[in-house]
Amino acid sequence: MPATTATEFDATFFRGLFGTDEASWTEFIGVSVNSFKAAREQMARAISEGDMETVSKVRHAIGPSLTQWGAVTLEGTLRRLDTSNMGDLWPSIEPEFDALFTAFKAL
């Protein structure tokens, strides 16, 4: 199933906060991308180790930002993770992260 994050992604909320300040906007995008990359790595490691506590902490840390960026499928799928399904769901989540990073590159 193709990732839907790319079609949902919407920078309008955050873009409006920066107006014409391109330098700050660019810096903010970089910080966001780095945060999501770190979260993805932490999630992958935690899932491979069966560490639901870390999975929970990471998804709660990035959930609001994902929603504000319009990545609702990714955020919603992360919320569905639990100890019984995280290994099965993770392969469908990784393409959503890839789509998110592709959307950032287009900015």
PDB file of N, CA and C in Angstrom:
ATOM      1  N   MET A   1       0.848  -1.181   0.000  1.00  0.00           N
ATOM      2  CA  MET A   1       0.000   0.000   0.000  1.00  0.00           C
ATOM      3  C   MET A   1       0.895   1.246   0.000  1.00  0.00           C
ATOM      4  N   PRO A   2       0.647   2.186  -0.899  1.00  0.00           N
ATOM      5  CA  PRO A   2       1.492   3.393  -0.957  1.00  0.00           C
ATOM      6  C   PRO A   2       1.277   4.288   0.260  1.00  0.00           C
ATOM      7  N   ALA A   3       2.313   4.992   0.624  1.00  0.00           N
ATOM      8  CA  ALA A   3       2.252   5.911   1.767  1.00  0.00           C
ATOM      9  C   ALA A   3       1.337   7.081   1.448  1.00  0.00           C
ATOM     10  N   THR A   4       0.533   7.476   2.409  1.00  0.00           N
ATOM     11  CA  THR A   4      -0.383   8.596   2.208  1.00  0.00           C
ATOM     12  C   THR A   4       0.140   9.896   2.810  1.00  0.00           C
ATOM     13  N   THR A   5       1.202   9.820   3.573  1.00  0.00           N
ATOM     14  CA  THR A   5       1.728  11.013   4.227  1.00  0.00           C
ATOM     15  C   THR A   5       2.075  12.099   3.220  1.00  0.00           C
ATOM     16  N   ALA A   6       2.621  11.722   2.074  1.00  0.00           N
ATOM     17  CA  ALA A   6       3.015  12.725   1.075  1.00  0.00           C
ATOM     18  C   ALA A   6       1.819  13.535   0.598  1.00  0.00           C
ATOM     19  N   THR A   7       0.665  12.917   0.468  1.00  0.00           N
ATOM     20  CA  THR A   7      -0.514  13.653  -0.002  1.00  0.00           C
ATOM     21  C   THR A   7      -1.178  14.432   1.118  1.00  0.00           C
ATOM     22  N   GLU A   8      -0.956  14.042   2.357  1.00  0.00           N
ATOM     23  CA  GLU A   8      -1.542  14.741   3.500  1.00  0.00           C
ATOM     24  C   GLU A   8      -0.697  15.927   3.957  1.00  0.00           C
ATOM     25  N   PHE A   9       0.590  15.832   3.779  1.00  0.00           N
ATOM     26  CA  PHE A   9       1.544  16.813   4.297  1.00  0.00           C
ATOM     27  C   PHE A   9       1.138  18.231   3.906  1.00  0.00           C
ATOM     28  N   ASP A  10       1.139  19.109   4.897  1.00  0.00           N
ATOM     29  CA  ASP A  10       0.755  20.497   4.651  1.00  0.00           C
ATOM     30  C   ASP A  10       1.575  21.399   5.570  1.00  0.00           C
ATOM     31  N   ALA A  11       2.402  22.216   4.969  1.00  0.00           N
ATOM     32  CA  ALA A  11       3.293  23.091   5.737  1.00  0.00           C
ATOM     33  C   ALA A  11       2.639  24.412   6.119  1.00  0.00           C
ATOM     34  N   THR A  12       1.379  24.603   5.795  1.00  0.00           N
ATOM     35  CA  THR A  12       0.711  25.889   5.982  1.00  0.00           C
ATOM     36  C   THR A  12       0.801  26.407   7.416  1.00  0.00           C
ATOM     37  N   PHE A  13       0.500  25.556   8.388  1.00  0.00           N
ATOM     38  CA  PHE A  13       0.499  26.001   9.784  1.00  0.00           C
ATOM     39  C   PHE A  13       1.855  26.581  10.174  1.00  0.00           C
ATOM     40  N   PHE A  14       2.900  25.779   9.987  1.00  0.00           N
ATOM     41  CA  PHE A  14       4.229  26.227  10.394  1.00  0.00           C
ATOM     42  C   PHE A  14       4.757  27.342   9.498  1.00  0.00           C
ATOM     43  N   ARG A  15       4.490  27.278   8.225  1.00  0.00           N
ATOM     44  CA  ARG A  15       4.980  28.307   7.299  1.00  0.00           C
ATOM     45  C   ARG A  15       4.439  29.675   7.712  1.00  0.00           C
ATOM     46  N   GLY A  16       3.197  29.715   8.134  1.00  0.00           N
ATOM     47  CA  GLY A  16       2.581  30.959   8.563  1.00  0.00           C
ATOM     48  C   GLY A  16       3.243  31.578   9.775  1.00  0.00           C
ATOM     49  N   LEU A  17       3.872  30.767  10.586  1.00  0.00           N
ATOM     50  CA  LEU A  17       4.555  31.281  11.771  1.00  0.00           C
ATOM     51  C   LEU A  17       5.810  32.073  11.429  1.00  0.00           C
ATOM     52  N   PHE A  18       6.399  31.803  10.264  1.00  0.00           N
ATOM     53  CA  PHE A  18       7.683  32.398   9.908  1.00  0.00           C
ATOM     54  C   PHE A  18       7.574  33.541   8.909  1.00  0.00           C
ATOM     55  N   GLY A  19       6.442  33.686   8.262  1.00  0.00           N
ATOM     56  CA  GLY A  19       6.267  34.783   7.322  1.00  0.00           C
ATOM     57  C   GLY A  19       7.373  34.828   6.292  1.00  0.00           C
ATOM     58  N   THR A  20       8.038  35.970   6.191  1.00  0.00           N
ATOM     59  CA  THR A  20       9.085  36.145   5.186  1.00  0.00           C
ATOM     60  C   THR A  20      10.489  35.845   5.716  1.00  0.00           C
ATOM     61  N   ASP A  21      10.588  35.358   6.933  1.00  0.00           N
ATOM     62  CA  ASP A  21      11.885  35.036   7.534  1.00  0.00           C
ATOM     63  C   ASP A  21      12.369  33.673   7.027  1.00  0.00           C
ATOM     64  N   GLU A  22      12.967  33.689   5.834  1.00  0.00           N
ATOM     65  CA  GLU A  22      13.386  32.452   5.174  1.00  0.00           C
ATOM     66  C   GLU A  22      14.476  31.710   5.940  1.00  0.00           C
ATOM     67  N   ALA A  23      15.391  32.428   6.543  1.00  0.00           N
ATOM     68  CA  ALA A  23      16.479  31.776   7.271  1.00  0.00           C
ATOM     69  C   ALA A  23      15.931  30.956   8.449  1.00  0.00           C
ATOM     70  N   SER A  24      15.032  31.549   9.207  1.00  0.00           N
ATOM     71  CA  SER A  24      14.450  30.840  10.348  1.00  0.00           C
ATOM     72  C   SER A  24      13.579  29.675   9.880  1.00  0.00           C
ATOM     73  N   TRP A  25      12.856  29.873   8.788  1.00  0.00           N
ATOM     74  CA  TRP A  25      12.020  28.816   8.218  1.00  0.00           C
ATOM     75  C   TRP A  25      12.888  27.623   7.824  1.00  0.00           C
ATOM     76  N   THR A  26      13.974  27.893   7.130  1.00  0.00           N
ATOM     77  CA  THR A  26      14.874  26.830   6.690  1.00  0.00           C
ATOM     78  C   THR A  26      15.482  26.105   7.888  1.00  0.00           C
ATOM     79  N   GLU A  27      15.871  26.859   8.888  1.00  0.00           N
ATOM     80  CA  GLU A  27      16.426  26.260  10.104  1.00  0.00           C
ATOM     81  C   GLU A  27      15.381  25.385  10.797  1.00  0.00           C
ATOM     82  N   PHE A  28      14.160  25.860  10.860  1.00  0.00           N
ATOM     83  CA  PHE A  28      13.087  25.107  11.497  1.00  0.00           C
ATOM     84  C   PHE A  28      12.828  23.790  10.763  1.00  0.00           C
ATOM     85  N   ILE A  29      12.843  23.831   9.458  1.00  0.00           N
ATOM     86  CA  ILE A  29      12.653  22.608   8.681  1.00  0.00           C
ATOM     87  C   ILE A  29      13.752  21.608   9.018  1.00  0.00           C
ATOM     88  N   GLY A  30      14.988  22.091   9.079  1.00  0.00           N
ATOM     89  CA  GLY A  30      16.111  21.216   9.425  1.00  0.00           C
ATOM     90  C   GLY A  30      15.955  20.586  10.795  1.00  0.00           C
ATOM     91  N   VAL A  31      15.528  21.374  11.761  1.00  0.00           N
ATOM     92  CA  VAL A  31      15.315  20.853  13.113  1.00  0.00           C
ATOM     93  C   VAL A  31      14.195  19.808  13.101  1.00  0.00           C
ATOM     94  N   SER A  32      13.129  20.090  12.376  1.00  0.00           N
ATOM     95  CA  SER A  32      12.012  19.144  12.293  1.00  0.00           C
ATOM     96  C   SER A  32      12.457  17.829  11.664  1.00  0.00           C
ATOM     97  N   VAL A  33      13.159  17.908  10.557  1.00  0.00           N
ATOM     98  CA  VAL A  33      13.631  16.699   9.880  1.00  0.00           C
ATOM     99  C   VAL A  33      14.543  15.896  10.804  1.00  0.00           C
ATOM    100  N   ASN A  34      15.476  16.559  11.452  1.00  0.00           N
ATOM    101  CA  ASN A  34      16.389  15.855  12.363  1.00  0.00           C
ATOM    102  C   ASN A  34      15.632  15.203  13.515  1.00  0.00           C
ATOM    103  N   SER A  35      14.626  15.888  14.037  1.00  0.00           N
ATOM    104  CA  SER A  35      13.828  15.325  15.131  1.00  0.00           C
ATOM    105  C   SER A  35      13.075  14.080  14.682  1.00  0.00           C
ATOM    106  N   PHE A  36      12.477  14.147  13.497  1.00  0.00           N
ATOM    107  CA  PHE A  36      11.731  12.992  12.996  1.00  0.00           C
ATOM    108  C   PHE A  36      12.662  11.838  12.629  1.00  0.00           C
ATOM    109  N   LYS A  37      13.843  12.139  12.117  1.00  0.00           N
ATOM    110  CA  LYS A  37      14.808  11.072  11.814  1.00  0.00           C
ATOM    111  C   LYS A  37      15.252  10.375  13.099  1.00  0.00           C
ATOM    112  N   ALA A  38      15.535  11.164  14.122  1.00  0.00           N
ATOM    113  CA  ALA A  38      15.938  10.583  15.405  1.00  0.00           C
ATOM    114  C   ALA A  38      14.802   9.743  15.987  1.00  0.00           C
ATOM    115  N   ALA A  39      13.580  10.233  15.872  1.00  0.00           N
ATOM    116  CA  ALA A  39      12.423   9.496  16.385  1.00  0.00           C
ATOM    117  C   ALA A  39      12.261   8.171  15.648  1.00  0.00           C
ATOM    118  N   ARG A  40      12.434   8.210  14.335  1.00  0.00           N
ATOM    119  CA  ARG A  40      12.317   6.982  13.554  1.00  0.00           C
ATOM    120  C   ARG A  40      13.361   5.960  14.007  1.00  0.00           C
ATOM    121  N   GLU A  41      14.582   6.397  14.199  1.00  0.00           N
ATOM    122  CA  GLU A  41      15.648   5.489  14.637  1.00  0.00           C
ATOM    123  C   GLU A  41      15.352   4.924  16.023  1.00  0.00           C
ATOM    124  N   GLN A  42      14.875   5.784  16.925  1.00  0.00           N
ATOM    125  CA  GLN A  42      14.536   5.325  18.273  1.00  0.00           C
ATOM    126  C   GLN A  42      13.394   4.317  18.233  1.00  0.00           C
ATOM    127  N   MET A  43      12.398   4.598  17.398  1.00  0.00           N
ATOM    128  CA  MET A  43      11.252   3.691  17.279  1.00  0.00           C
ATOM    129  C   MET A  43      11.690   2.340  16.721  1.00  0.00           C
ATOM    130  N   ALA A  44      12.484   2.360  15.664  1.00  0.00           N
ATOM    131  CA  ALA A  44      12.937   1.109  15.055  1.00  0.00           C
ATOM    132  C   ALA A  44      13.706   0.261  16.058  1.00  0.00           C
ATOM    133  N   ARG A  45      14.597   0.909  16.789  1.00  0.00           N
ATOM    134  CA  ARG A  45      15.388   0.197  17.793  1.00  0.00           C
ATOM    135  C   ARG A  45      14.474  -0.353  18.894  1.00  0.00           C
ATOM    136  N   ALA A  46      13.563   0.466  19.387  1.00  0.00           N
ATOM    137  CA  ALA A  46      12.669   0.040  20.469  1.00  0.00           C
ATOM    138  C   ALA A  46      11.765  -1.107  20.020  1.00  0.00           C
ATOM    139  N   ILE A  47      11.285  -1.035  18.800  1.00  0.00           N
ATOM    140  CA  ILE A  47      10.418  -2.100  18.298  1.00  0.00           C
ATOM    141  C   ILE A  47      11.201  -3.401  18.169  1.00  0.00           C
ATOM    142  N   SER A  48      12.424  -3.323  17.668  1.00  0.00           N
ATOM    143  CA  SER A  48      13.232  -4.540  17.528  1.00  0.00           C
ATOM    144  C   SER A  48      13.559  -5.151  18.891  1.00  0.00           C
ATOM    145  N   GLU A  49      13.582  -4.310  19.915  1.00  0.00           N
ATOM    146  CA  GLU A  49      13.875  -4.783  21.277  1.00  0.00           C
ATOM    147  C   GLU A  49      12.604  -5.081  22.079  1.00  0.00           C
ATOM    148  N   GLY A  50      11.434  -4.814  21.487  1.00  0.00           N
ATOM    149  CA  GLY A  50      10.176  -5.023  22.200  1.00  0.00           C
ATOM    150  C   GLY A  50       9.967  -4.042  23.338  1.00  0.00           C
ATOM    151  N   ASP A  51      10.534  -2.852  23.221  1.00  0.00           N
ATOM    152  CA  ASP A  51      10.507  -1.833  24.276  1.00  0.00           C
ATOM    153  C   ASP A  51       9.320  -0.881  24.065  1.00  0.00           C
ATOM    154  N   MET A  52       8.173  -1.269  24.559  1.00  0.00           N
ATOM    155  CA  MET A  52       6.963  -0.475  24.366  1.00  0.00           C
ATOM    156  C   MET A  52       7.015   0.857  25.106  1.00  0.00           C
ATOM    157  N   GLU A  53       7.735   0.916  26.192  1.00  0.00           N
ATOM    158  CA  GLU A  53       7.845   2.173  26.948  1.00  0.00           C
ATOM    159  C   GLU A  53       8.501   3.258  26.088  1.00  0.00           C
ATOM    160  N   THR A  54       9.582   2.912  25.407  1.00  0.00           N
ATOM    161  CA  THR A  54      10.248   3.878  24.536  1.00  0.00           C
ATOM    162  C   THR A  54       9.380   4.221  23.343  1.00  0.00           C
ATOM    163  N   VAL A  55       8.735   3.219  22.748  1.00  0.00           N
ATOM    164  CA  VAL A  55       7.822   3.475  21.631  1.00  0.00           C
ATOM    165  C   VAL A  55       6.783   4.508  22.045  1.00  0.00           C
ATOM    166  N   SER A  56       6.206   4.317  23.198  1.00  0.00           N
ATOM    167  CA  SER A  56       5.178   5.226  23.699  1.00  0.00           C
ATOM    168  C   SER A  56       5.721   6.639  23.907  1.00  0.00           C
ATOM    169  N   LYS A  57       6.884   6.739  24.518  1.00  0.00           N
ATOM    170  CA  LYS A  57       7.482   8.059  24.767  1.00  0.00           C
ATOM    171  C   LYS A  57       7.774   8.797  23.464  1.00  0.00           C
ATOM    172  N   VAL A  58       8.335   8.086  22.501  1.00  0.00           N
ATOM    173  CA  VAL A  58       8.704   8.721  21.240  1.00  0.00           C
ATOM    174  C   VAL A  58       7.465   9.161  20.478  1.00  0.00           C
ATOM    175  N   ARG A  59       6.479   8.311  20.390  1.00  0.00           N
ATOM    176  CA  ARG A  59       5.288   8.694  19.615  1.00  0.00           C
ATOM    177  C   ARG A  59       4.549   9.854  20.266  1.00  0.00           C
ATOM    178  N   HIS A  60       4.557   9.912  21.584  1.00  0.00           N
ATOM    179  CA  HIS A  60       3.925  11.048  22.247  1.00  0.00           C
ATOM    180  C   HIS A  60       4.729  12.333  22.048  1.00  0.00           C
ATOM    181  N   ALA A  61       6.018  12.203  21.912  1.00  0.00           N
ATOM    182  CA  ALA A  61       6.861  13.377  21.703  1.00  0.00           C
ATOM    183  C   ALA A  61       6.667  13.979  20.313  1.00  0.00           C
ATOM    184  N   ILE A  62       6.469  13.134  19.299  1.00  0.00           N
ATOM    185  CA  ILE A  62       6.360  13.654  17.932  1.00  0.00           C
ATOM    186  C   ILE A  62       4.931  13.770  17.421  1.00  0.00           C
ATOM    187  N   GLY A  63       3.979  13.183  18.119  1.00  0.00           N
ATOM    188  CA  GLY A  63       2.588  13.171  17.657  1.00  0.00           C
ATOM    189  C   GLY A  63       2.009  14.541  17.338  1.00  0.00           C
ATOM    190  N   PRO A  64       2.108  15.509  18.240  1.00  0.00           N
ATOM    191  CA  PRO A  64       1.533  16.820  17.942  1.00  0.00           C
ATOM    192  C   PRO A  64       2.155  17.483  16.711  1.00  0.00           C
ATOM    193  N   SER A  65       3.464  17.372  16.570  1.00  0.00           N
ATOM    194  CA  SER A  65       4.113  17.964  15.392  1.00  0.00           C
ATOM    195  C   SER A  65       3.679  17.265  14.117  1.00  0.00           C
ATOM    196  N   LEU A  66       3.561  15.943  14.167  1.00  0.00           N
ATOM    197  CA  LEU A  66       3.094  15.223  12.980  1.00  0.00           C
ATOM    198  C   LEU A  66       1.711  15.715  12.562  1.00  0.00           C
ATOM    199  N   THR A  67       0.842  15.907  13.530  1.00  0.00           N
ATOM    200  CA  THR A  67      -0.499  16.393  13.235  1.00  0.00           C
ATOM    201  C   THR A  67      -0.448  17.787  12.624  1.00  0.00           C
ATOM    202  N   GLN A  68       0.373  18.660  13.189  1.00  0.00           N
ATOM    203  CA  GLN A  68       0.470  20.020  12.661  1.00  0.00           C
ATOM    204  C   GLN A  68       1.096  20.057  11.277  1.00  0.00           C
ATOM    205  N   TRP A  69       1.950  19.101  10.948  1.00  0.00           N
ATOM    206  CA  TRP A  69       2.511  19.004   9.600  1.00  0.00           C
ATOM    207  C   TRP A  69       1.539  18.304   8.650  1.00  0.00           C
ATOM    208  N   GLY A  70       0.439  17.799   9.172  1.00  0.00           N
ATOM    209  CA  GLY A  70      -0.553  17.133   8.330  1.00  0.00           C
ATOM    210  C   GLY A  70      -0.274  15.663   8.095  1.00  0.00           C
ATOM    211  N   ALA A  71       0.654  15.085   8.813  1.00  0.00           N
ATOM    212  CA  ALA A  71       1.004  13.676   8.637  1.00  0.00           C
ATOM    213  C   ALA A  71       0.111  12.810   9.527  1.00  0.00           C
ATOM    214  N   VAL A  72      -1.188  12.885   9.284  1.00  0.00           N
ATOM    215  CA  VAL A  72      -2.151  12.235  10.172  1.00  0.00           C
ATOM    216  C   VAL A  72      -2.155  10.715  10.056  1.00  0.00           C
ATOM    217  N   THR A  73      -1.876  10.178   8.881  1.00  0.00           N
ATOM    218  CA  THR A  73      -1.806   8.724   8.751  1.00  0.00           C
ATOM    219  C   THR A  73      -0.641   8.183   9.565  1.00  0.00           C
ATOM    220  N   LEU A  74       0.507   8.809   9.451  1.00  0.00           N
ATOM    221  CA  LEU A  74       1.671   8.378  10.221  1.00  0.00           C
ATOM    222  C   LEU A  74       1.388   8.493  11.714  1.00  0.00           C
ATOM    223  N   GLU A  75       0.865   9.606  12.126  1.00  0.00           N
ATOM    224  CA  GLU A  75       0.577   9.820  13.555  1.00  0.00           C
ATOM    225  C   GLU A  75      -0.456   8.803  14.049  1.00  0.00           C
ATOM    226  N   GLY A  76      -1.503   8.589  13.279  1.00  0.00           N
ATOM    227  CA  GLY A  76      -2.546   7.645  13.675  1.00  0.00           C
ATOM    228  C   GLY A  76      -2.042   6.217  13.757  1.00  0.00           C
ATOM    229  N   THR A  77      -1.194   5.835  12.838  1.00  0.00           N
ATOM    230  CA  THR A  77      -0.638   4.484  12.860  1.00  0.00           C
ATOM    231  C   THR A  77       0.289   4.301  14.054  1.00  0.00           C
ATOM    232  N   LEU A  78       1.064   5.324  14.365  1.00  0.00           N
ATOM    233  CA  LEU A  78       1.919   5.248  15.551  1.00  0.00           C
ATOM    234  C   LEU A  78       1.080   5.067  16.814  1.00  0.00           C
ATOM    235  N   ARG A  79      -0.077   5.731  16.875  1.00  0.00           N
ATOM    236  CA  ARG A  79      -0.943   5.596  18.049  1.00  0.00           C
ATOM    237  C   ARG A  79      -1.495   4.185  18.195  1.00  0.00           C
ATOM    238  N   ARG A  80      -1.604   3.459  17.100  1.00  0.00           N
ATOM    239  CA  ARG A  80      -2.147   2.096  17.146  1.00  0.00           C
ATOM    240  C   ARG A  80      -1.129   1.055  17.618  1.00  0.00           C
ATOM    241  N   LEU A  81       0.133   1.443  17.692  1.00  0.00           N
ATOM    242  CA  LEU A  81       1.164   0.490  18.116  1.00  0.00           C
ATOM    243  C   LEU A  81       0.942   0.039  19.552  1.00  0.00           C
ATOM    244  N   ASP A  82       1.019  -1.255  19.761  1.00  0.00           N
ATOM    245  CA  ASP A  82       1.040  -1.802  21.112  1.00  0.00           C
ATOM    246  C   ASP A  82       1.929  -3.040  21.097  1.00  0.00           C
ATOM    247  N   THR A  83       2.088  -3.655  22.247  1.00  0.00           N
ATOM    248  CA  THR A  83       3.025  -4.774  22.340  1.00  0.00           C
ATOM    249  C   THR A  83       2.624  -5.943  21.446  1.00  0.00           C
ATOM    250  N   SER A  84       1.353  -6.079  21.155  1.00  0.00           N
ATOM    251  CA  SER A  84       0.909  -7.220  20.355  1.00  0.00           C
ATOM    252  C   SER A  84       1.074  -7.029  18.851  1.00  0.00           C
ATOM    253  N   ASN A  85       1.249  -5.771  18.398  1.00  0.00           N
ATOM    254  CA  ASN A  85       1.270  -5.552  16.949  1.00  0.00           C
ATOM    255  C   ASN A  85       2.453  -4.740  16.428  1.00  0.00           C
ATOM    256  N   MET A  86       3.306  -4.246  17.311  1.00  0.00           N
ATOM    257  CA  MET A  86       4.331  -3.308  16.847  1.00  0.00           C
ATOM    258  C   MET A  86       5.260  -3.917  15.805  1.00  0.00           C
ATOM    259  N   GLY A  87       5.604  -5.173  15.925  1.00  0.00           N
ATOM    260  CA  GLY A  87       6.448  -5.799  14.920  1.00  0.00           C
ATOM    261  C   GLY A  87       5.753  -5.931  13.575  1.00  0.00           C
ATOM    262  N   ASP A  88       4.450  -6.160  13.608  1.00  0.00           N
ATOM    263  CA  ASP A  88       3.674  -6.299  12.376  1.00  0.00           C
ATOM    264  C   ASP A  88       3.386  -4.949  11.721  1.00  0.00           C
ATOM    265  N   LEU A  89       3.154  -3.910  12.515  1.00  0.00           N
ATOM    266  CA  LEU A  89       2.808  -2.594  11.970  1.00  0.00           C
ATOM    267  C   LEU A  89       4.015  -1.808  11.480  1.00  0.00           C
ATOM    268  N   TRP A  90       5.167  -2.033  12.077  1.00  0.00           N
ATOM    269  CA  TRP A  90       6.342  -1.213  11.748  1.00  0.00           C
ATOM    270  C   TRP A  90       6.658  -1.188  10.251  1.00  0.00           C
ATOM    271  N   PRO A  91       6.588  -2.304   9.533  1.00  0.00           N
ATOM    272  CA  PRO A  91       6.887  -2.243   8.095  1.00  0.00           C
ATOM    273  C   PRO A  91       5.953  -1.312   7.306  1.00  0.00           C
ATOM    274  N   SER A  92       4.748  -1.082   7.793  1.00  0.00           N
ATOM    275  CA  SER A  92       3.841  -0.147   7.114  1.00  0.00           C
ATOM    276  C   SER A  92       4.078   1.294   7.553  1.00  0.00           C
ATOM    277  N   ILE A  93       4.775   1.474   8.654  1.00  0.00           N
ATOM    278  CA  ILE A  93       5.056   2.814   9.173  1.00  0.00           C
ATOM    279  C   ILE A  93       6.290   3.419   8.518  1.00  0.00           C
ATOM    280  N   GLU A  94       7.287   2.596   8.253  1.00  0.00           N
ATOM    281  CA  GLU A  94       8.529   3.110   7.667  1.00  0.00           C
ATOM    282  C   GLU A  94       8.302   3.854   6.345  1.00  0.00           C
ATOM    283  N   PRO A  95       7.464   3.360   5.432  1.00  0.00           N
ATOM    284  CA  PRO A  95       7.224   4.126   4.204  1.00  0.00           C
ATOM    285  C   PRO A  95       6.559   5.485   4.457  1.00  0.00           C
ATOM    286  N   GLU A  96       5.792   5.585   5.528  1.00  0.00           N
ATOM    287  CA  GLU A  96       5.171   6.866   5.881  1.00  0.00           C
ATOM    288  C   GLU A  96       6.242   7.863   6.322  1.00  0.00           C
ATOM    289  N   PHE A  97       7.232   7.397   7.064  1.00  0.00           N
ATOM    290  CA  PHE A  97       8.359   8.263   7.418  1.00  0.00           C
ATOM    291  C   PHE A  97       9.103   8.690   6.152  1.00  0.00           C
ATOM    292  N   ASP A  98       9.335   7.745   5.239  1.00  0.00           N
ATOM    293  CA  ASP A  98      10.009   8.081   3.978  1.00  0.00           C
ATOM    294  C   ASP A  98       9.240   9.154   3.217  1.00  0.00           C
ATOM    295  N   ALA A  99       7.916   9.012   3.169  1.00  0.00           N
ATOM    296  CA  ALA A  99       7.081   9.999   2.478  1.00  0.00           C
ATOM    297  C   ALA A  99       7.163  11.361   3.163  1.00  0.00           C
ATOM    298  N   LEU A 100       7.243  11.358   4.481  1.00  0.00           N
ATOM    299  CA  LEU A 100       7.380  12.606   5.228  1.00  0.00           C
ATOM    300  C   LEU A 100       8.687  13.306   4.855  1.00  0.00           C
ATOM    301  N   PHE A 101       9.766  12.558   4.803  1.00  0.00           N
ATOM    302  CA  PHE A 101      11.056  13.162   4.462  1.00  0.00           C
ATOM    303  C   PHE A 101      11.074  13.653   3.011  1.00  0.00           C
ATOM    304  N   THR A 102      10.409  12.954   2.123  1.00  0.00           N
ATOM    305  CA  THR A 102      10.287  13.401   0.736  1.00  0.00           C
ATOM    306  C   THR A 102       9.518  14.712   0.657  1.00  0.00           C
ATOM    307  N   ALA A 103       8.448  14.816   1.447  1.00  0.00           N
ATOM    308  CA  ALA A 103       7.664  16.044   1.472  1.00  0.00           C
ATOM    309  C   ALA A 103       8.495  17.221   2.002  1.00  0.00           C
ATOM    310  N   PHE A 104       9.317  16.964   3.008  1.00  0.00           N
ATOM    311  CA  PHE A 104      10.190  18.029   3.519  1.00  0.00           C
ATOM    312  C   PHE A 104      11.181  18.492   2.447  1.00  0.00           C
ATOM    313  N   LYS A 105      11.730  17.550   1.699  1.00  0.00           N
ATOM    314  CA  LYS A 105      12.689  17.898   0.653  1.00  0.00           C
ATOM    315  C   LYS A 105      12.057  18.816  -0.392  1.00  0.00           C
ATOM    316  N   ALA A 106      10.769  18.653  -0.618  1.00  0.00           N
ATOM    317  CA  ALA A 106      10.078  19.474  -1.620  1.00  0.00           C
ATOM    318  C   ALA A 106       9.895  20.921  -1.169  1.00  0.00           C
ATOM    319  N   LEU A 107      10.052  21.176   0.126  1.00  0.00           N
ATOM    320  CA  LEU A 107       9.901  22.539   0.628  1.00  0.00           C
ATOM    321  C   LEU A 107      11.106  23.360   0.228  1.00  0.00           C
TER     322      LEU A 107
END
